[in-house]
Amino acid sequence: MTQPTEEMNVLAETEHYLVWLEEDDAGEVNYHVDLEFVTLHLLKEEWDELAELIRKANSAKGSR
């Protein structure tokens, strides 16, 4: 997992996972999801879709 620094805009962190964002030179926001050995690099639209997928999965889990 990437170790957070003061320059990183960390949104959430657990023992093994980290979500942070940065703005690129063109002003586009990029989300980084560090999952220990895998890192996802997502644009805002991709992040929104992933977040919706996780919310749906979490809701479905609660109904079982």
Protein backbone atom coordinates (compact mmCIF):
# COMPACT_ATOMS: atom_id res chain seq x y z
CA MET A 1 0.00 0.00 0.00
CA THR A 2 1.13 3.53 -0.71
CA GLN A 3 2.14 5.32 2.44
CA PRO A 4 0.15 8.56 2.78
CA THR A 5 2.05 11.83 2.73
CA GLU A 6 1.04 15.37 3.61
CA GLU A 7 0.77 16.20 -0.10
CA MET A 8 -1.85 13.50 -0.71
CA ASN A 9 -5.53 14.30 -0.38
CA VAL A 10 -6.54 11.15 1.52
CA LEU A 11 -10.29 10.46 1.53
CA ALA A 12 -10.25 7.24 3.56
CA GLU A 13 -7.75 4.81 5.01
CA THR A 14 -7.88 1.43 6.74
CA GLU A 15 -5.11 -0.87 7.87
CA HIS A 16 -4.61 -2.26 4.35
CA TYR A 17 -6.44 0.10 1.98
CA LEU A 18 -6.22 3.75 1.00
CA VAL A 19 -8.26 6.07 -1.20
CA TRP A 20 -6.78 9.39 -2.22
CA LEU A 21 -7.24 11.89 -4.99
CA GLU A 22 -5.21 14.34 -6.97
CA GLU A 23 -5.82 16.87 -9.68
CA ASP A 24 -3.80 16.42 -12.87
CA ASP A 25 -2.23 19.19 -14.92
CA ALA A 26 -5.43 19.54 -16.98
CA GLY A 27 -7.49 20.03 -13.82
CA GLU A 28 -9.14 16.61 -13.94
CA VAL A 29 -9.62 14.80 -10.64
CA ASN A 30 -8.07 11.33 -10.41
CA TYR A 31 -9.00 8.87 -7.67
CA HIS A 32 -6.45 6.30 -6.52
CA VAL A 33 -7.67 3.19 -4.72
CA ASP A 34 -4.73 1.32 -3.17
CA LEU A 35 -5.76 -2.25 -2.35
CA GLU A 36 -2.48 -3.47 -0.89
CA PHE A 37 -1.00 -5.13 -4.01
CA VAL A 38 -3.26 -3.48 -6.61
CA THR A 39 -3.92 0.19 -7.30
CA LEU A 40 -6.88 1.45 -9.32
CA HIS A 41 -6.52 4.83 -11.03
CA LEU A 42 -9.97 6.21 -11.81
CA LEU A 43 -11.37 9.33 -13.37
CA LYS A 44 -14.32 10.96 -11.56
CA GLU A 45 -16.95 9.20 -13.69
CA GLU A 46 -15.29 5.83 -13.09
CA TRP A 47 -15.02 6.52 -9.37
CA ASP A 48 -18.72 7.43 -9.20
CA GLU A 49 -19.65 4.19 -10.96
CA LEU A 50 -17.44 2.09 -8.66
CA ALA A 51 -18.89 3.79 -5.59
CA GLU A 52 -22.42 3.06 -6.84
CA LEU A 53 -21.49 -0.59 -7.46
CA ILE A 54 -20.17 -0.92 -3.90
CA ARG A 55 -23.30 0.73 -2.46
CA LYS A 56 -25.50 -1.71 -4.41
CA ALA A 57 -23.44 -4.70 -3.30
CA ASN A 58 -23.60 -3.55 0.30
CA SER A 59 -27.40 -3.14 0.09
CA ALA A 60 -27.77 -6.59 -1.47
CA LYS A 61 -25.63 -8.11 1.25
CA GLY A 62 -27.92 -6.64 3.90
CA SER A 63 -30.97 -8.28 2.34
CA ARG A 64 -29.50 -11.80 2.59
